[in-house]
Amino acid sequence: MFKKLIKPALLILSVSACSTTTYSRAEAPLLFKALDSEPNGYKGLIGTEAVFEITTTEVSQSLLCRAVKVASQDGTARRRYCKVKGGEWR
């Protein structure tokens, strides 16, 4: 019984580790440059370990938000980056 739980537990841990990874402008300059200027559908690299794709853009009176899909060997995760006018992506 214990052996049957090991693989699912490892899978859950690897997926959760991937989904908690966050990037800063210093760690992923190409991602943040793309958030600033590239259209939806744009794909690029985050270092040598991950690929990103900008999937959607949402605009409100106070925020600009972009959804990004990040794929690496650890799995695929979705991120949402938002900023106020003149601010930094968070």
PDB file of N, CA and C in Angstrom:
ATOM      1  N   MET A   1       0.815  -1.191   0.000  1.00  0.00           N
ATOM      2  CA  MET A   1       0.000   0.000   0.000  1.00  0.00           C
ATOM      3  C   MET A   1       0.866   1.265   0.000  1.00  0.00           C
ATOM      4  N   PHE A   2       1.912   1.270   0.833  1.00  0.00           N
ATOM      5  CA  PHE A   2       2.780   2.434   0.929  1.00  0.00           C
ATOM      6  C   PHE A   2       3.456   2.725  -0.405  1.00  0.00           C
ATOM      7  N   LYS A   3       3.865   1.678  -1.115  1.00  0.00           N
ATOM      8  CA  LYS A   3       4.532   1.859  -2.407  1.00  0.00           C
ATOM      9  C   LYS A   3       3.596   2.499  -3.436  1.00  0.00           C
ATOM     10  N   LYS A   4       2.300   2.236  -3.333  1.00  0.00           N
ATOM     11  CA  LYS A   4       1.337   2.816  -4.264  1.00  0.00           C
ATOM     12  C   LYS A   4       1.174   4.317  -4.036  1.00  0.00           C
ATOM     13  N   LEU A   5       1.485   4.792  -2.866  1.00  0.00           N
ATOM     14  CA  LEU A   5       1.330   6.213  -2.549  1.00  0.00           C
ATOM     15  C   LEU A   5       2.561   7.036  -2.907  1.00  0.00           C
ATOM     16  N   ILE A   6       3.711   6.394  -3.099  1.00  0.00           N
ATOM     17  CA  ILE A   6       4.952   7.138  -3.349  1.00  0.00           C
ATOM     18  C   ILE A   6       4.897   7.908  -4.664  1.00  0.00           C
ATOM     19  N   LYS A   7       4.511   7.249  -5.752  1.00  0.00           N
ATOM     20  CA  LYS A   7       4.492   7.929  -7.052  1.00  0.00           C
ATOM     21  C   LYS A   7       3.517   9.104  -7.078  1.00  0.00           C
ATOM     22  N   PRO A   8       2.282   8.933  -6.621  1.00  0.00           N
ATOM     23  CA  PRO A   8       1.387  10.107  -6.602  1.00  0.00           C
ATOM     24  C   PRO A   8       1.915  11.244  -5.720  1.00  0.00           C
ATOM     25  N   ALA A   9       2.523  10.904  -4.601  1.00  0.00           N
ATOM     26  CA  ALA A   9       3.065  11.928  -3.706  1.00  0.00           C
ATOM     27  C   ALA A   9       4.200  12.691  -4.382  1.00  0.00           C
ATOM     28  N   LEU A  10       5.076  11.982  -5.078  1.00  0.00           N
ATOM     29  CA  LEU A  10       6.171  12.636  -5.789  1.00  0.00           C
ATOM     30  C   LEU A  10       5.645  13.521  -6.921  1.00  0.00           C
ATOM     31  N   LEU A  11       4.617  13.066  -7.603  1.00  0.00           N
ATOM     32  CA  LEU A  11       4.019  13.858  -8.669  1.00  0.00           C
ATOM     33  C   LEU A  11       3.419  15.144  -8.119  1.00  0.00           C
ATOM     34  N   ILE A  12       2.706  15.046  -7.027  1.00  0.00           N
ATOM     35  CA  ILE A  12       2.100  16.223  -6.404  1.00  0.00           C
ATOM     36  C   ILE A  12       3.177  17.204  -5.954  1.00  0.00           C
ATOM     37  N   LEU A  13       4.248  16.703  -5.363  1.00  0.00           N
ATOM     38  CA  LEU A  13       5.328  17.572  -4.915  1.00  0.00           C
ATOM     39  C   LEU A  13       6.005  18.271  -6.079  1.00  0.00           C
ATOM     40  N   SER A  14       6.243  17.551  -7.172  1.00  0.00           N
ATOM     41  CA  SER A  14       6.911  18.177  -8.316  1.00  0.00           C
ATOM     42  C   SER A  14       6.027  19.224  -8.971  1.00  0.00           C
ATOM     43  N   VAL A  15       4.732  18.960  -9.073  1.00  0.00           N
ATOM     44  CA  VAL A  15       3.819  19.937  -9.669  1.00  0.00           C
ATOM     45  C   VAL A  15       3.686  21.155  -8.769  1.00  0.00           C
ATOM     46  N   SER A  16       3.582  20.949  -7.473  1.00  0.00           N
ATOM     47  CA  SER A  16       3.450  22.089  -6.568  1.00  0.00           C
ATOM     48  C   SER A  16       4.735  22.903  -6.522  1.00  0.00           C
ATOM     49  N   ALA A  17       5.886  22.265  -6.658  1.00  0.00           N
ATOM     50  CA  ALA A  17       7.146  23.010  -6.690  1.00  0.00           C
ATOM     51  C   ALA A  17       7.203  23.884  -7.924  1.00  0.00           C
ATOM     52  N   CYS A  18       6.742  23.375  -9.041  1.00  0.00           N
ATOM     53  CA  CYS A  18       6.737  24.148 -10.272  1.00  0.00           C
ATOM     54  C   CYS A  18       5.779  25.322 -10.167  1.00  0.00           C
ATOM     55  N   SER A  19       4.632  25.099  -9.594  1.00  0.00           N
ATOM     56  CA  SER A  19       3.620  26.146  -9.557  1.00  0.00           C
ATOM     57  C   SER A  19       3.955  27.251  -8.562  1.00  0.00           C
ATOM     58  N   THR A  20       4.904  27.020  -7.652  1.00  0.00           N
ATOM     59  CA  THR A  20       5.255  28.056  -6.698  1.00  0.00           C
ATOM     60  C   THR A  20       6.464  28.866  -7.145  1.00  0.00           C
ATOM     61  N   THR A  21       7.084  28.508  -8.262  1.00  0.00           N
ATOM     62  CA  THR A  21       8.218  29.261  -8.763  1.00  0.00           C
ATOM     63  C   THR A  21       7.749  30.613  -9.269  1.00  0.00           C
ATOM     64  N   THR A  22       8.371  31.661  -8.776  1.00  0.00           N
ATOM     65  CA  THR A  22       8.076  32.996  -9.277  1.00  0.00           C
ATOM     66  C   THR A  22       9.359  33.564  -9.857  1.00  0.00           C
ATOM     67  N   TYR A  23       9.212  34.499 -10.773  1.00  0.00           N
ATOM     68  CA  TYR A  23      10.365  35.081 -11.447  1.00  0.00           C
ATOM     69  C   TYR A  23      10.397  36.581 -11.228  1.00  0.00           C
ATOM     70  N   SER A  24      11.586  37.117 -11.150  1.00  0.00           N
ATOM     71  CA  SER A  24      11.778  38.563 -11.068  1.00  0.00           C
ATOM     72  C   SER A  24      12.369  39.035 -12.395  1.00  0.00           C
ATOM     73  N   ARG A  25      12.406  40.338 -12.587  1.00  0.00           N
ATOM     74  CA  ARG A  25      12.986  40.897 -13.811  1.00  0.00           C
ATOM     75  C   ARG A  25      14.458  40.506 -13.922  1.00  0.00           C
ATOM     76  N   ALA A  26      15.165  40.423 -12.798  1.00  0.00           N
ATOM     77  CA  ALA A  26      16.580  40.045 -12.814  1.00  0.00           C
ATOM     78  C   ALA A  26      16.769  38.586 -13.232  1.00  0.00           C
ATOM     79  N   GLU A  27      15.862  37.705 -12.802  1.00  0.00           N
ATOM     80  CA  GLU A  27      15.964  36.276 -13.120  1.00  0.00           C
ATOM     81  C   GLU A  27      15.473  35.937 -14.522  1.00  0.00           C
ATOM     82  N   ALA A  28      14.509  36.686 -15.030  1.00  0.00           N
ATOM     83  CA  ALA A  28      13.880  36.380 -16.315  1.00  0.00           C
ATOM     84  C   ALA A  28      13.674  37.660 -17.128  1.00  0.00           C
ATOM     85  N   PRO A  29      14.768  38.309 -17.545  1.00  0.00           N
ATOM     86  CA  PRO A  29      14.619  39.586 -18.246  1.00  0.00           C
ATOM     87  C   PRO A  29      13.839  39.483 -19.553  1.00  0.00           C
ATOM     88  N   LEU A  30      13.964  38.362 -20.274  1.00  0.00           N
ATOM     89  CA  LEU A  30      13.225  38.217 -21.533  1.00  0.00           C
ATOM     90  C   LEU A  30      11.723  38.120 -21.298  1.00  0.00           C
ATOM     91  N   LEU A  31      11.326  37.470 -20.212  1.00  0.00           N
ATOM     92  CA  LEU A  31       9.904  37.380 -19.867  1.00  0.00           C
ATOM     93  C   LEU A  31       9.342  38.772 -19.587  1.00  0.00           C
ATOM     94  N   PHE A  32      10.038  39.550 -18.778  1.00  0.00           N
ATOM     95  CA  PHE A  32       9.533  40.867 -18.412  1.00  0.00           C
ATOM     96  C   PHE A  32       9.581  41.841 -19.586  1.00  0.00           C
ATOM     97  N   LYS A  33      10.586  41.715 -20.446  1.00  0.00           N
ATOM     98  CA  LYS A  33      10.615  42.529 -21.659  1.00  0.00           C
ATOM     99  C   LYS A  33       9.418  42.195 -22.546  1.00  0.00           C
ATOM    100  N   ALA A  34       9.092  40.894 -22.650  1.00  0.00           N
ATOM    101  CA  ALA A  34       7.938  40.461 -23.450  1.00  0.00           C
ATOM    102  C   ALA A  34       6.629  40.962 -22.836  1.00  0.00           C
ATOM    103  N   LEU A  35       6.519  40.918 -21.510  1.00  0.00           N
ATOM    104  CA  LEU A  35       5.312  41.436 -20.854  1.00  0.00           C
ATOM    105  C   LEU A  35       5.115  42.907 -21.194  1.00  0.00           C
ATOM    106  N   ASP A  36       6.208  43.639 -21.304  1.00  0.00           N
ATOM    107  CA  ASP A  36       6.140  45.065 -21.603  1.00  0.00           C
ATOM    108  C   ASP A  36       5.728  45.358 -23.038  1.00  0.00           C
ATOM    109  N   SER A  37       6.083  44.478 -24.000  1.00  0.00           N
ATOM    110  CA  SER A  37       5.953  44.915 -25.391  1.00  0.00           C
ATOM    111  C   SER A  37       5.441  43.893 -26.404  1.00  0.00           C
ATOM    112  N   GLU A  38       5.364  42.625 -26.058  1.00  0.00           N
ATOM    113  CA  GLU A  38       5.012  41.612 -27.057  1.00  0.00           C
ATOM    114  C   GLU A  38       3.519  41.275 -27.021  1.00  0.00           C
ATOM    115  N   PRO A  39       2.968  40.817 -28.163  1.00  0.00           N
ATOM    116  CA  PRO A  39       1.537  40.484 -28.235  1.00  0.00           C
ATOM    117  C   PRO A  39       1.232  39.115 -27.625  1.00  0.00           C
ATOM    118  N   ASN A  40      -0.060  38.859 -27.428  1.00  0.00           N
ATOM    119  CA  ASN A  40      -0.492  37.523 -26.995  1.00  0.00           C
ATOM    120  C   ASN A  40       0.007  36.501 -28.010  1.00  0.00           C
ATOM    121  N   GLY A  41       0.378  35.319 -27.514  1.00  0.00           N
ATOM    122  CA  GLY A  41       0.898  34.274 -28.383  1.00  0.00           C
ATOM    123  C   GLY A  41       2.411  34.265 -28.465  1.00  0.00           C
ATOM    124  N   TYR A  42       3.048  35.313 -27.946  1.00  0.00           N
ATOM    125  CA  TYR A  42       4.511  35.394 -27.985  1.00  0.00           C
ATOM    126  C   TYR A  42       5.107  34.306 -27.094  1.00  0.00           C
ATOM    127  N   LYS A  43       6.167  33.643 -27.585  1.00  0.00           N
ATOM    128  CA  LYS A  43       6.868  32.594 -26.833  1.00  0.00           C
ATOM    129  C   LYS A  43       8.330  32.973 -26.673  1.00  0.00           C
ATOM    130  N   GLY A  44       8.889  32.611 -25.532  1.00  0.00           N
ATOM    131  CA  GLY A  44      10.294  32.894 -25.269  1.00  0.00           C
ATOM    132  C   GLY A  44      10.847  31.967 -24.212  1.00  0.00           C
ATOM    133  N   LEU A  45      12.101  32.177 -23.872  1.00  0.00           N
ATOM    134  CA  LEU A  45      12.800  31.333 -22.903  1.00  0.00           C
ATOM    135  C   LEU A  45      13.014  32.061 -21.587  1.00  0.00           C
ATOM    136  N   ILE A  46      12.979  31.291 -20.521  1.00  0.00           N
ATOM    137  CA  ILE A  46      13.391  31.761 -19.205  1.00  0.00           C
ATOM    138  C   ILE A  46      14.654  30.979 -18.891  1.00  0.00           C
ATOM    139  N   GLY A  47      15.786  31.593 -19.087  1.00  0.00           N
ATOM    140  CA  GLY A  47      17.057  30.890 -18.916  1.00  0.00           C
ATOM    141  C   GLY A  47      17.139  29.705 -19.854  1.00  0.00           C
ATOM    142  N   THR A  48      17.645  28.594 -19.347  1.00  0.00           N
ATOM    143  CA  THR A  48      17.736  27.367 -20.137  1.00  0.00           C
ATOM    144  C   THR A  48      16.751  26.316 -19.670  1.00  0.00           C
ATOM    145  N   GLU A  49      15.987  26.625 -18.606  1.00  0.00           N
ATOM    146  CA  GLU A  49      15.147  25.587 -18.004  1.00  0.00           C
ATOM    147  C   GLU A  49      13.664  25.677 -18.309  1.00  0.00           C
ATOM    148  N   ALA A  50      13.185  26.790 -18.868  1.00  0.00           N
ATOM    149  CA  ALA A  50      11.739  26.922 -19.050  1.00  0.00           C
ATOM    150  C   ALA A  50      11.407  27.741 -20.301  1.00  0.00           C
ATOM    151  N   VAL A  51      10.200  27.500 -20.810  1.00  0.00           N
ATOM    152  CA  VAL A  51       9.656  28.226 -21.953  1.00  0.00           C
ATOM    153  C   VAL A  51       8.379  28.909 -21.479  1.00  0.00           C
ATOM    154  N   PHE A  52       8.148  30.136 -21.952  1.00  0.00           N
ATOM    155  CA  PHE A  52       6.915  30.824 -21.577  1.00  0.00           C
ATOM    156  C   PHE A  52       6.136  31.223 -22.819  1.00  0.00           C
ATOM    157  N   GLU A  53       4.827  31.391 -22.634  1.00  0.00           N
ATOM    158  CA  GLU A  53       3.954  31.912 -23.681  1.00  0.00           C
ATOM    159  C   GLU A  53       2.963  32.877 -23.047  1.00  0.00           C
ATOM    160  N   ILE A  54       2.861  34.070 -23.602  1.00  0.00           N
ATOM    161  CA  ILE A  54       1.865  35.035 -23.141  1.00  0.00           C
ATOM    162  C   ILE A  54       0.535  34.628 -23.766  1.00  0.00           C
ATOM    163  N   THR A  55      -0.451  34.331 -22.935  1.00  0.00           N
ATOM    164  CA  THR A  55      -1.707  33.794 -23.468  1.00  0.00           C
ATOM    165  C   THR A  55      -2.829  34.819 -23.564  1.00  0.00           C
ATOM    166  N   THR A  56      -2.972  35.689 -22.575  1.00  0.00           N
ATOM    167  CA  THR A  56      -4.049  36.684 -22.622  1.00  0.00           C
ATOM    168  C   THR A  56      -3.598  37.990 -21.977  1.00  0.00           C
ATOM    169  N   THR A  57      -4.327  39.040 -22.313  1.00  0.00           N
ATOM    170  CA  THR A  57      -4.103  40.365 -21.727  1.00  0.00           C
ATOM    171  C   THR A  57      -5.452  40.918 -21.297  1.00  0.00           C
ATOM    172  N   GLU A  58      -5.504  41.476 -20.087  1.00  0.00           N
ATOM    173  CA  GLU A  58      -6.720  42.101 -19.574  1.00  0.00           C
ATOM    174  C   GLU A  58      -6.390  43.520 -19.129  1.00  0.00           C
ATOM    175  N   VAL A  59      -7.266  44.444 -19.470  1.00  0.00           N
ATOM    176  CA  VAL A  59      -7.048  45.841 -19.127  1.00  0.00           C
ATOM    177  C   VAL A  59      -8.252  46.350 -18.342  1.00  0.00           C
ATOM    178  N   SER A  60      -7.973  47.035 -17.246  1.00  0.00           N
ATOM    179  CA  SER A  60      -9.028  47.721 -16.500  1.00  0.00           C
ATOM    180  C   SER A  60      -8.587  49.174 -16.323  1.00  0.00           C
ATOM    181  N   GLN A  61      -9.380  49.949 -15.617  1.00  0.00           N
ATOM    182  CA  GLN A  61      -9.018  51.356 -15.406  1.00  0.00           C
ATOM    183  C   GLN A  61      -7.734  51.501 -14.598  1.00  0.00           C
ATOM    184  N   SER A  62      -7.459  50.533 -13.729  1.00  0.00           N
ATOM    185  CA  SER A  62      -6.306  50.674 -12.841  1.00  0.00           C
ATOM    186  C   SER A  62      -5.197  49.652 -13.081  1.00  0.00           C
ATOM    187  N   LEU A  63      -5.493  48.541 -13.748  1.00  0.00           N
ATOM    188  CA  LEU A  63      -4.501  47.478 -13.900  1.00  0.00           C
ATOM    189  C   LEU A  63      -4.367  46.992 -15.339  1.00  0.00           C
ATOM    190  N   LEU A  64      -3.159  46.542 -15.652  1.00  0.00           N
ATOM    191  CA  LEU A  64      -2.886  45.796 -16.870  1.00  0.00           C
ATOM    192  C   LEU A  64      -2.403  44.424 -16.416  1.00  0.00           C
ATOM    193  N   CYS A  65      -3.071  43.355 -16.846  1.00  0.00           N
ATOM    194  CA  CYS A  65      -2.706  42.003 -16.430  1.00  0.00           C
ATOM    195  C   CYS A  65      -2.463  41.132 -17.652  1.00  0.00           C
ATOM    196  N   ARG A  66      -1.473  40.247 -17.538  1.00  0.00           N
ATOM    197  CA  ARG A  66      -1.166  39.323 -18.620  1.00  0.00           C
ATOM    198  C   ARG A  66      -1.022  37.925 -18.033  1.00  0.00           C
ATOM    199  N   ALA A  67      -1.643  36.963 -18.695  1.00  0.00           N
ATOM    200  CA  ALA A  67      -1.534  35.563 -18.273  1.00  0.00           C
ATOM    201  C   ALA A  67      -0.406  34.916 -19.068  1.00  0.00           C
ATOM    202  N   VAL A  68       0.404  34.139 -18.372  1.00  0.00           N
ATOM    203  CA  VAL A  68       1.576  33.507 -18.970  1.00  0.00           C
ATOM    204  C   VAL A  68       1.574  32.030 -18.616  1.00  0.00           C
ATOM    205  N   LYS A  69       1.817  31.187 -19.619  1.00  0.00           N
ATOM    206  CA  LYS A  69       1.976  29.755 -19.395  1.00  0.00           C
ATOM    207  C   LYS A  69       3.473  29.470 -19.374  1.00  0.00           C
ATOM    208  N   VAL A  70       3.947  28.783 -18.328  1.00  0.00           N
ATOM    209  CA  VAL A  70       5.359  28.454 -18.183  1.00  0.00           C
ATOM    210  C   VAL A  70       5.496  26.937 -18.177  1.00  0.00           C
ATOM    211  N   ALA A  71       6.346  26.430 -19.067  1.00  0.00           N
ATOM    212  CA  ALA A  71       6.569  24.984 -19.154  1.00  0.00           C
ATOM    213  C   ALA A  71       8.047  24.692 -18.909  1.00  0.00           C
ATOM    214  N   SER A  72       8.292  23.703 -18.061  1.00  0.00           N
ATOM    215  CA  SER A  72       9.656  23.259 -17.783  1.00  0.00           C
ATOM    216  C   SER A  72       9.637  21.748 -17.620  1.00  0.00           C
ATOM    217  N   GLN A  73      10.773  21.184 -17.305  1.00  0.00           N
ATOM    218  CA  GLN A  73      10.837  19.738 -17.089  1.00  0.00           C
ATOM    219  C   GLN A  73       9.979  19.314 -15.909  1.00  0.00           C
ATOM    220  N   ASP A  74       9.719  20.233 -15.002  1.00  0.00           N
ATOM    221  CA  ASP A  74       8.910  19.937 -13.815  1.00  0.00           C
ATOM    222  C   ASP A  74       7.419  19.962 -14.089  1.00  0.00           C
ATOM    223  N   GLY A  75       7.016  20.479 -15.256  1.00  0.00           N
ATOM    224  CA  GLY A  75       5.600  20.546 -15.581  1.00  0.00           C
ATOM    225  C   GLY A  75       5.226  21.903 -16.150  1.00  0.00           C
ATOM    226  N   THR A  76       3.937  22.141 -16.212  1.00  0.00           N
ATOM    227  CA  THR A  76       3.410  23.383 -16.765  1.00  0.00           C
ATOM    228  C   THR A  76       2.622  24.119 -15.687  1.00  0.00           C
ATOM    229  N   ALA A  77       2.803  25.426 -15.654  1.00  0.00           N
ATOM    230  CA  ALA A  77       2.075  26.244 -14.686  1.00  0.00           C
ATOM    231  C   ALA A  77       1.609  27.516 -15.374  1.00  0.00           C
ATOM    232  N   ARG A  78       0.603  28.143 -14.817  1.00  0.00           N
ATOM    233  CA  ARG A  78       0.114  29.418 -15.339  1.00  0.00           C
ATOM    234  C   ARG A  78       0.372  30.494 -14.297  1.00  0.00           C
ATOM    235  N   ARG A  79       0.781  31.649 -14.787  1.00  0.00           N
ATOM    236  CA  ARG A  79       1.049  32.796 -13.928  1.00  0.00           C
ATOM    237  C   ARG A  79       0.226  33.979 -14.423  1.00  0.00           C
ATOM    238  N   ARG A  80      -0.075  34.883 -13.537  1.00  0.00           N
ATOM    239  CA  ARG A  80      -0.752  36.120 -13.919  1.00  0.00           C
ATOM    240  C   ARG A  80       0.087  37.267 -13.385  1.00  0.00           C
ATOM    241  N   TYR A  81       0.566  38.102 -14.281  1.00  0.00           N
ATOM    242  CA  TYR A  81       1.365  39.265 -13.921  1.00  0.00           C
ATOM    243  C   TYR A  81       0.524  40.505 -14.138  1.00  0.00           C
ATOM    244  N   CYS A  82       0.500  41.383 -13.139  1.00  0.00           N
ATOM    245  CA  CYS A  82      -0.282  42.615 -13.232  1.00  0.00           C
ATOM    246  C   CYS A  82       0.584  43.796 -12.821  1.00  0.00           C
ATOM    247  N   LYS A  83       0.197  44.985 -13.326  1.00  0.00           N
ATOM    248  CA  LYS A  83       0.877  46.209 -12.906  1.00  0.00           C
ATOM    249  C   LYS A  83      -0.059  47.391 -13.058  1.00  0.00           C
ATOM    250  N   VAL A  84       0.210  48.402 -12.267  1.00  0.00           N
ATOM    251  CA  VAL A  84      -0.490  49.676 -12.419  1.00  0.00           C
ATOM    252  C   VAL A  84       0.273  50.487 -13.459  1.00  0.00           C
ATOM    253  N   LYS A  85      -0.359  51.487 -14.016  1.00  0.00           N
ATOM    254  CA  LYS A  85       0.280  52.306 -15.037  1.00  0.00           C
ATOM    255  C   LYS A  85       1.587  52.887 -14.497  1.00  0.00           C
ATOM    256  N   GLY A  86       2.670  52.630 -15.222  1.00  0.00           N
ATOM    257  CA  GLY A  86       3.986  53.121 -14.818  1.00  0.00           C
ATOM    258  C   GLY A  86       4.662  52.272 -13.765  1.00  0.00           C
ATOM    259  N   GLY A  87       3.993  51.205 -13.303  1.00  0.00           N
ATOM    260  CA  GLY A  87       4.556  50.361 -12.249  1.00  0.00           C
ATOM    261  C   GLY A  87       5.306  49.152 -12.785  1.00  0.00           C
ATOM    262  N   GLU A  88       5.668  48.277 -11.888  1.00  0.00           N
ATOM    263  CA  GLU A  88       6.414  47.065 -12.199  1.00  0.00           C
ATOM    264  C   GLU A  88       5.471  45.858 -12.168  1.00  0.00           C
ATOM    265  N   TRP A  89       5.746  44.878 -13.004  1.00  0.00           N
ATOM    266  CA  TRP A  89       4.957  43.639 -13.029  1.00  0.00           C
ATOM    267  C   TRP A  89       5.102  42.898 -11.712  1.00  0.00           C
ATOM    268  N   ARG A  90       3.985  42.407 -11.196  1.00  0.00           N
ATOM    269  CA  ARG A  90       3.990  41.597  -9.957  1.00  0.00           C
ATOM    270  C   ARG A  90       3.126  40.389 -10.156  1.00  0.00           C
TER     271      ARG A  90
END
